Amino acid sequence: MRFEFSYGDSRFGILTPTRIVFSGYTRGRDGADGAPELSLGGRVVFEYGGFRRFDVAPPDSRLDAPGNRQGN
């Protein structure tokens, strides 16, 4: 297996991933010198654009004590 990670600058002031590659190899055949040669079995590539910040808010930010909920 081979893993390749590429990072780039972002507007957040930290490095963020731009590309991740996973490659899997299988033993192919023996070379002329008798050493095993590997063959690419498969590859998966993830490429990312600019990251952005998002906000998440619960639909109801009011917290009730246990047992004091409406409908109980």
PDB file of N, CA and C in Angstrom:
ATOM      1  N   MET A   1       0.853  -1.171   0.000  1.00  0.00           N
ATOM      2  CA  MET A   1       0.000   0.000   0.000  1.00  0.00           C
ATOM      3  C   MET A   1       0.897   1.233   0.000  1.00  0.00           C
ATOM      4  N   ARG A   2       0.408   2.252  -0.642  1.00  0.00           N
ATOM      5  CA  ARG A   2       1.120   3.531  -0.647  1.00  0.00           C
ATOM      6  C   ARG A   2       0.093   4.632  -0.414  1.00  0.00           C
ATOM      7  N   PHE A   3       0.424   5.568   0.457  1.00  0.00           N
ATOM      8  CA  PHE A   3      -0.439   6.691   0.789  1.00  0.00           C
ATOM      9  C   PHE A   3       0.307   7.972   0.469  1.00  0.00           C
ATOM     10  N   GLU A   4      -0.323   8.860  -0.280  1.00  0.00           N
ATOM     11  CA  GLU A   4       0.279  10.155  -0.618  1.00  0.00           C
ATOM     12  C   GLU A   4      -0.669  11.262  -0.164  1.00  0.00           C
ATOM     13  N   PHE A   5      -0.143  12.221   0.572  1.00  0.00           N
ATOM     14  CA  PHE A   5      -0.935  13.330   1.075  1.00  0.00           C
ATOM     15  C   PHE A   5      -0.315  14.631   0.607  1.00  0.00           C
ATOM     16  N   SER A   6      -1.118  15.502  -0.001  1.00  0.00           N
ATOM     17  CA  SER A   6      -0.659  16.823  -0.430  1.00  0.00           C
ATOM     18  C   SER A   6      -1.489  17.874   0.300  1.00  0.00           C
ATOM     19  N   TYR A   7      -0.811  18.888   0.828  1.00  0.00           N
ATOM     20  CA  TYR A   7      -1.479  19.937   1.587  1.00  0.00           C
ATOM     21  C   TYR A   7      -1.167  21.295   0.964  1.00  0.00           C
ATOM     22  N   GLY A   8      -2.065  22.256   1.156  1.00  0.00           N
ATOM     23  CA  GLY A   8      -1.857  23.608   0.659  1.00  0.00           C
ATOM     24  C   GLY A   8      -2.326  24.628   1.673  1.00  0.00           C
ATOM     25  N   ASP A   9      -1.897  25.849   1.483  1.00  0.00           N
ATOM     26  CA  ASP A   9      -2.317  26.939   2.361  1.00  0.00           C
ATOM     27  C   ASP A   9      -3.820  27.171   2.240  1.00  0.00           C
ATOM     28  N   SER A  10      -4.411  27.669   3.310  1.00  0.00           N
ATOM     29  CA  SER A  10      -5.843  27.977   3.283  1.00  0.00           C
ATOM     30  C   SER A  10      -6.064  29.355   3.875  1.00  0.00           C
ATOM     31  N   ARG A  11      -7.265  29.858   3.730  1.00  0.00           N
ATOM     32  CA  ARG A  11      -7.594  31.179   4.286  1.00  0.00           C
ATOM     33  C   ARG A  11      -7.747  31.133   5.799  1.00  0.00           C
ATOM     34  N   PHE A  12      -7.676  29.942   6.402  1.00  0.00           N
ATOM     35  CA  PHE A  12      -7.771  29.802   7.848  1.00  0.00           C
ATOM     36  C   PHE A  12      -6.403  29.880   8.521  1.00  0.00           C
ATOM     37  N   GLY A  13      -5.344  29.996   7.731  1.00  0.00           N
ATOM     38  CA  GLY A  13      -4.009  30.086   8.290  1.00  0.00           C
ATOM     39  C   GLY A  13      -3.393  28.737   8.661  1.00  0.00           C
ATOM     40  N   ILE A  14      -4.012  27.643   8.211  1.00  0.00           N
ATOM     41  CA  ILE A  14      -3.471  26.304   8.449  1.00  0.00           C
ATOM     42  C   ILE A  14      -3.405  25.560   7.125  1.00  0.00           C
ATOM     43  N   LEU A  15      -2.616  24.494   7.087  1.00  0.00           N
ATOM     44  CA  LEU A  15      -2.571  23.663   5.887  1.00  0.00           C
ATOM     45  C   LEU A  15      -3.809  22.776   5.855  1.00  0.00           C
ATOM     46  N   THR A  16      -4.407  22.644   4.687  1.00  0.00           N
ATOM     47  CA  THR A  16      -5.555  21.764   4.502  1.00  0.00           C
ATOM     48  C   THR A  16      -5.245  20.811   3.351  1.00  0.00           C
ATOM     49  N   PRO A  17      -5.847  19.613   3.344  1.00  0.00           N
ATOM     50  CA  PRO A  17      -5.548  18.656   2.281  1.00  0.00           C
ATOM     51  C   PRO A  17      -6.044  19.144   0.919  1.00  0.00           C
ATOM     52  N   THR A  18      -5.230  18.955  -0.099  1.00  0.00           N
ATOM     53  CA  THR A  18      -5.631  19.271  -1.465  1.00  0.00           C
ATOM     54  C   THR A  18      -5.801  17.995  -2.291  1.00  0.00           C
ATOM     55  N   ARG A  19      -5.042  16.946  -1.902  1.00  0.00           N
ATOM     56  CA  ARG A  19      -5.113  15.694  -2.649  1.00  0.00           C
ATOM     57  C   ARG A  19      -4.637  14.544  -1.763  1.00  0.00           C
ATOM     58  N   ILE A  20      -5.385  13.444  -1.783  1.00  0.00           N
ATOM     59  CA  ILE A  20      -5.011  12.229  -1.067  1.00  0.00           C
ATOM     60  C   ILE A  20      -5.104  11.078  -2.065  1.00  0.00           C
ATOM     61  N   VAL A  21      -4.056  10.271  -2.141  1.00  0.00           N
ATOM     62  CA  VAL A  21      -4.017   9.147  -3.084  1.00  0.00           C
ATOM     63  C   VAL A  21      -3.703   7.871  -2.308  1.00  0.00           C
ATOM     64  N   PHE A  22      -4.551   6.853  -2.460  1.00  0.00           N
ATOM     65  CA  PHE A  22      -4.319   5.523  -1.910  1.00  0.00           C
ATOM     66  C   PHE A  22      -4.050   4.587  -3.072  1.00  0.00           C
ATOM     67  N   SER A  23      -2.900   3.919  -3.060  1.00  0.00           N
ATOM     68  CA  SER A  23      -2.546   2.972  -4.124  1.00  0.00           C
ATOM     69  C   SER A  23      -2.300   1.609  -3.495  1.00  0.00           C
ATOM     70  N   GLY A  24      -2.847   0.583  -4.121  1.00  0.00           N
ATOM     71  CA  GLY A  24      -2.638  -0.788  -3.664  1.00  0.00           C
ATOM     72  C   GLY A  24      -1.896  -1.569  -4.731  1.00  0.00           C
ATOM     73  N   TYR A  25      -0.923  -2.352  -4.303  1.00  0.00           N
ATOM     74  CA  TYR A  25      -0.096  -3.103  -5.243  1.00  0.00           C
ATOM     75  C   TYR A  25      -0.195  -4.589  -4.955  1.00  0.00           C
ATOM     76  N   THR A  26      -0.046  -5.383  -6.000  1.00  0.00           N
ATOM     77  CA  THR A  26      -0.021  -6.837  -5.881  1.00  0.00           C
ATOM     78  C   THR A  26       1.276  -7.345  -6.488  1.00  0.00           C
ATOM     79  N   ARG A  27       1.691  -8.498  -6.050  1.00  0.00           N
ATOM     80  CA  ARG A  27       2.902  -9.075  -6.626  1.00  0.00           C
ATOM     81  C   ARG A  27       2.582  -9.506  -8.049  1.00  0.00           C
ATOM     82  N   GLY A  28       3.276  -8.925  -9.003  1.00  0.00           N
ATOM     83  CA  GLY A  28       3.020  -9.220 -10.407  1.00  0.00           C
ATOM     84  C   GLY A  28       3.778 -10.438 -10.896  1.00  0.00           C
ATOM     85  N   ARG A  29       5.062 -10.293 -11.075  1.00  0.00           N
ATOM     86  CA  ARG A  29       5.881 -11.384 -11.594  1.00  0.00           C
ATOM     87  C   ARG A  29       7.303 -11.187 -11.113  1.00  0.00           C
ATOM     88  N   ASP A  30       8.138 -12.163 -11.400  1.00  0.00           N
ATOM     89  CA  ASP A  30       9.555 -12.033 -11.071  1.00  0.00           C
ATOM     90  C   ASP A  30      10.271 -11.365 -12.234  1.00  0.00           C
ATOM     91  N   GLY A  31      11.123 -10.397 -11.902  1.00  0.00           N
ATOM     92  CA  GLY A  31      11.880  -9.687 -12.925  1.00  0.00           C
ATOM     93  C   GLY A  31      13.037 -10.528 -13.447  1.00  0.00           C
ATOM     94  N   ALA A  32      13.810  -9.977 -14.360  1.00  0.00           N
ATOM     95  CA  ALA A  32      14.939 -10.674 -14.969  1.00  0.00           C
ATOM     96  C   ALA A  32      15.984 -11.064 -13.922  1.00  0.00           C
ATOM     97  N   ASP A  33      16.082 -10.265 -12.858  1.00  0.00           N
ATOM     98  CA  ASP A  33      17.059 -10.571 -11.807  1.00  0.00           C
ATOM     99  C   ASP A  33      16.488 -11.473 -10.720  1.00  0.00           C
ATOM    100  N   GLY A  34      15.265 -11.947 -10.912  1.00  0.00           N
ATOM    101  CA  GLY A  34      14.631 -12.848  -9.955  1.00  0.00           C
ATOM    102  C   GLY A  34      13.911 -12.133  -8.825  1.00  0.00           C
ATOM    103  N   ALA A  35      14.050 -10.811  -8.746  1.00  0.00           N
ATOM    104  CA  ALA A  35      13.363 -10.048  -7.707  1.00  0.00           C
ATOM    105  C   ALA A  35      11.893  -9.857  -8.083  1.00  0.00           C
ATOM    106  N   PRO A  36      10.994  -9.896  -7.105  1.00  0.00           N
ATOM    107  CA  PRO A  36       9.578  -9.715  -7.427  1.00  0.00           C
ATOM    108  C   PRO A  36       9.286  -8.283  -7.880  1.00  0.00           C
ATOM    109  N   GLU A  37       8.404  -8.153  -8.845  1.00  0.00           N
ATOM    110  CA  GLU A  37       7.952  -6.846  -9.320  1.00  0.00           C
ATOM    111  C   GLU A  37       6.508  -6.661  -8.882  1.00  0.00           C
ATOM    112  N   LEU A  38       6.170  -5.458  -8.528  1.00  0.00           N
ATOM    113  CA  LEU A  38       4.812  -5.159  -8.084  1.00  0.00           C
ATOM    114  C   LEU A  38       3.991  -4.582  -9.222  1.00  0.00           C
ATOM    115  N   SER A  39       2.712  -4.931  -9.235  1.00  0.00           N
ATOM    116  CA  SER A  39       1.767  -4.377 -10.213  1.00  0.00           C
ATOM    117  C   SER A  39       0.729  -3.548  -9.458  1.00  0.00           C
ATOM    118  N   LEU A  40       0.320  -2.456 -10.067  1.00  0.00           N
ATOM    119  CA  LEU A  40      -0.714  -1.620  -9.464  1.00  0.00           C
ATOM    120  C   LEU A  40      -2.029  -2.376  -9.481  1.00  0.00           C
ATOM    121  N   GLY A  41      -2.601  -2.617  -8.311  1.00  0.00           N
ATOM    122  CA  GLY A  41      -3.869  -3.315  -8.207  1.00  0.00           C
ATOM    123  C   GLY A  41      -5.056  -2.369  -8.245  1.00  0.00           C
ATOM    124  N   GLY A  42      -4.873  -1.168  -7.705  1.00  0.00           N
ATOM    125  CA  GLY A  42      -5.949  -0.185  -7.697  1.00  0.00           C
ATOM    126  C   GLY A  42      -5.484   1.122  -7.098  1.00  0.00           C
ATOM    127  N   ARG A  43      -6.203   2.186  -7.415  1.00  0.00           N
ATOM    128  CA  ARG A  43      -5.850   3.517  -6.917  1.00  0.00           C
ATOM    129  C   ARG A  43      -7.129   4.314  -6.702  1.00  0.00           C
ATOM    130  N   VAL A  44      -7.166   5.028  -5.573  1.00  0.00           N
ATOM    131  CA  VAL A  44      -8.280   5.909  -5.258  1.00  0.00           C
ATOM    132  C   VAL A  44      -7.703   7.293  -5.019  1.00  0.00           C
ATOM    133  N   VAL A  45      -8.278   8.311  -5.685  1.00  0.00           N
ATOM    134  CA  VAL A  45      -7.776   9.682  -5.581  1.00  0.00           C
ATOM    135  C   VAL A  45      -8.900  10.583  -5.069  1.00  0.00           C
ATOM    136  N   PHE A  46      -8.599  11.345  -4.020  1.00  0.00           N
ATOM    137  CA  PHE A  46      -9.521  12.351  -3.497  1.00  0.00           C
ATOM    138  C   PHE A  46      -8.883  13.712  -3.727  1.00  0.00           C
ATOM    139  N   GLU A  47      -9.603  14.615  -4.376  1.00  0.00           N
ATOM    140  CA  GLU A  47      -9.112  15.977  -4.593  1.00  0.00           C
ATOM    141  C   GLU A  47     -10.093  16.952  -3.957  1.00  0.00           C
ATOM    142  N   TYR A  48      -9.541  17.948  -3.262  1.00  0.00           N
ATOM    143  CA  TYR A  48     -10.353  18.879  -2.505  1.00  0.00           C
ATOM    144  C   TYR A  48     -10.162  20.299  -3.017  1.00  0.00           C
ATOM    145  N   GLY A  49     -11.244  21.059  -3.027  1.00  0.00           N
ATOM    146  CA  GLY A  49     -11.189  22.483  -3.339  1.00  0.00           C
ATOM    147  C   GLY A  49     -10.990  23.266  -2.055  1.00  0.00           C
ATOM    148  N   GLY A  50     -11.340  24.527  -2.078  1.00  0.00           N
ATOM    149  CA  GLY A  50     -11.183  25.371  -0.900  1.00  0.00           C
ATOM    150  C   GLY A  50     -12.112  24.955   0.223  1.00  0.00           C
ATOM    151  N   PHE A  51     -11.583  24.917   1.426  1.00  0.00           N
ATOM    152  CA  PHE A  51     -12.403  24.613   2.585  1.00  0.00           C
ATOM    153  C   PHE A  51     -13.091  25.882   3.048  1.00  0.00           C
ATOM    154  N   ARG A  52     -14.266  25.723   3.632  1.00  0.00           N
ATOM    155  CA  ARG A  52     -14.974  26.893   4.147  1.00  0.00           C
ATOM    156  C   ARG A  52     -15.551  26.560   5.509  1.00  0.00           C
ATOM    157  N   ARG A  53     -15.709  27.564   6.281  1.00  0.00           N
ATOM    158  CA  ARG A  53     -16.244  27.414   7.627  1.00  0.00           C
ATOM    159  C   ARG A  53     -17.769  27.466   7.555  1.00  0.00           C
ATOM    160  N   PHE A  54     -18.418  26.683   8.385  1.00  0.00           N
ATOM    161  CA  PHE A  54     -19.873  26.727   8.436  1.00  0.00           C
ATOM    162  C   PHE A  54     -20.310  26.745   9.891  1.00  0.00           C
ATOM    163  N   ASP A  55     -21.513  27.245  10.142  1.00  0.00           N
ATOM    164  CA  ASP A  55     -22.063  27.318  11.486  1.00  0.00           C
ATOM    165  C   ASP A  55     -23.189  26.309  11.622  1.00  0.00           C
ATOM    166  N   VAL A  56     -23.280  25.745  12.788  1.00  0.00           N
ATOM    167  CA  VAL A  56     -24.356  24.805  13.087  1.00  0.00           C
ATOM    168  C   VAL A  56     -25.019  25.270  14.377  1.00  0.00           C
ATOM    169  N   ALA A  57     -26.325  25.396  14.346  1.00  0.00           N
ATOM    170  CA  ALA A  57     -27.068  25.789  15.534  1.00  0.00           C
ATOM    171  C   ALA A  57     -28.222  24.812  15.722  1.00  0.00           C
ATOM    172  N   PRO A  58     -28.467  24.400  16.949  1.00  0.00           N
ATOM    173  CA  PRO A  58     -29.597  23.495  17.176  1.00  0.00           C
ATOM    174  C   PRO A  58     -30.904  24.234  16.920  1.00  0.00           C
ATOM    175  N   PRO A  59     -31.962  23.522  16.561  1.00  0.00           N
ATOM    176  CA  PRO A  59     -33.238  24.178  16.297  1.00  0.00           C
ATOM    177  C   PRO A  59     -33.807  24.858  17.538  1.00  0.00           C
ATOM    178  N   ASP A  60     -33.539  24.315  18.727  1.00  0.00           N
ATOM    179  CA  ASP A  60     -34.011  24.914  19.974  1.00  0.00           C
ATOM    180  C   ASP A  60     -32.841  24.906  20.952  1.00  0.00           C
ATOM    181  N   SER A  61     -32.326  26.068  21.265  1.00  0.00           N
ATOM    182  CA  SER A  61     -31.144  26.131  22.112  1.00  0.00           C
ATOM    183  C   SER A  61     -31.499  26.191  23.599  1.00  0.00           C
ATOM    184  N   ARG A  62     -32.759  26.036  23.958  1.00  0.00           N
ATOM    185  CA  ARG A  62     -33.189  26.061  25.350  1.00  0.00           C
ATOM    186  C   ARG A  62     -32.999  24.661  25.952  1.00  0.00           C
ATOM    187  N   LEU A  63     -32.361  24.591  27.110  1.00  0.00           N
ATOM    188  CA  LEU A  63     -32.153  23.316  27.788  1.00  0.00           C
ATOM    189  C   LEU A  63     -33.049  23.230  29.004  1.00  0.00           C
ATOM    190  N   ASP A  64     -33.773  22.138  29.125  1.00  0.00           N
ATOM    191  CA  ASP A  64     -34.614  21.897  30.287  1.00  0.00           C
ATOM    192  C   ASP A  64     -33.934  20.874  31.189  1.00  0.00           C
ATOM    193  N   ALA A  65     -34.170  20.990  32.483  1.00  0.00           N
ATOM    194  CA  ALA A  65     -33.661  20.000  33.427  1.00  0.00           C
ATOM    195  C   ALA A  65     -34.380  18.675  33.172  1.00  0.00           C
ATOM    196  N   PRO A  66     -33.737  17.559  33.447  1.00  0.00           N
ATOM    197  CA  PRO A  66     -34.399  16.254  33.247  1.00  0.00           C
ATOM    198  C   PRO A  66     -35.700  16.179  34.046  1.00  0.00           C
ATOM    199  N   GLY A  67     -36.742  15.656  33.459  1.00  0.00           N
ATOM    200  CA  GLY A  67     -38.047  15.522  34.104  1.00  0.00           C
ATOM    201  C   GLY A  67     -38.912  16.756  34.001  1.00  0.00           C
ATOM    202  N   ASN A  68     -38.387  17.883  33.509  1.00  0.00           N
ATOM    203  CA  ASN A  68     -39.152  19.109  33.397  1.00  0.00           C
ATOM    204  C   ASN A  68     -39.506  19.410  31.930  1.00  0.00           C
ATOM    205  N   ARG A  69     -39.467  18.423  31.117  1.00  0.00           N
ATOM    206  CA  ARG A  69     -39.757  18.648  29.693  1.00  0.00           C
ATOM    207  C   ARG A  69     -41.260  18.728  29.498  1.00  0.00           C
ATOM    208  N   GLN A  70     -41.657  19.458  28.481  1.00  0.00           N
ATOM    209  CA  GLN A  70     -43.066  19.587  28.161  1.00  0.00           C
ATOM    210  C   GLN A  70     -43.579  18.247  27.675  1.00  0.00           C
ATOM    211  N   GLY A  71     -44.776  17.880  28.074  1.00  0.00           N
ATOM    212  CA  GLY A  71     -45.379  16.634  27.632  1.00  0.00           C
ATOM    213  C   GLY A  71     -45.119  15.498  28.591  1.00  0.00           C
ATOM    214  N   ASN A  72     -44.349  15.737  29.692  1.00  0.00           N
ATOM    215  CA  ASN A  72     -44.107  14.675  30.706  1.00  0.00           C
ATOM    216  C   ASN A  72     -45.068  14.828  31.840  1.00  0.00           C
TER     217      ASN A  72
END
